[in-house]
Amino acid sequence: MNETGVLGHFIRAFGKIVSMMQFNMYHHYTVDEHLIRAVGNIAAIERDEHADEHPLTTDVIKRLQDGAAVALLIDRPPLPSAVTVELFGRPFRASIAAAELARASGCALVGVAITRQPDGYQAKVLPEFVYDRRALGTRQGRHELTQQILRAFEPEIQQNPEQWFHFVPLWPEAGNGAP
């Protein structure tokens, strides 16, 4: 469906990402191929094909199927939609996706920090992010909410810096005050 353009015809936003490249060493596929593969992987996890490899993800998907709330994983943002916020007092390019979701749906936003413990995983639910949906009508409002979200995660990252991965070294110099 993708190769013939049918998918992009029915899902217009998908048509805009066909053959879009991400120029870094972490993305081996175009955006459309990456998305198709990700959906395929989620479908395989949903069918319990990877339960041994991904027990936490399998559990989350089962909970969603049983009516739990929607979970949103915020990945590295594409440059046009990223906003610069502060993280540990330094500039950081962050995804605005959660604020966009809140603007579009008015949903509750609740952060969850999941850390590996000696006996498995532990999830810590952060307080709900309170926002004025009308304020999210401006990019500045969405930027401010994104900053609020990142600020709420700073203590969690500080407690477990070795478990926080953002694909690239953010603070390569030793002893710079970052976690």
Foldseek 3Di string as FASTA:
>chain_A
DVVVCPVCVVVVVLSVQVPADDPDPPDPDGPSVVVVVVVVVLVCLCVVVCCVPCVPSNVVVVVVVVPDDDDDDFAQDDVVQWDWADALRDTDTGHLVVLVCCLVPVDWDWDWDWDADPVGIDIDIDDIQDADSVLSVDVVRSNVSRNVVNVSCNVVCVVPVVPDDRPDDPDPDPPPSHD
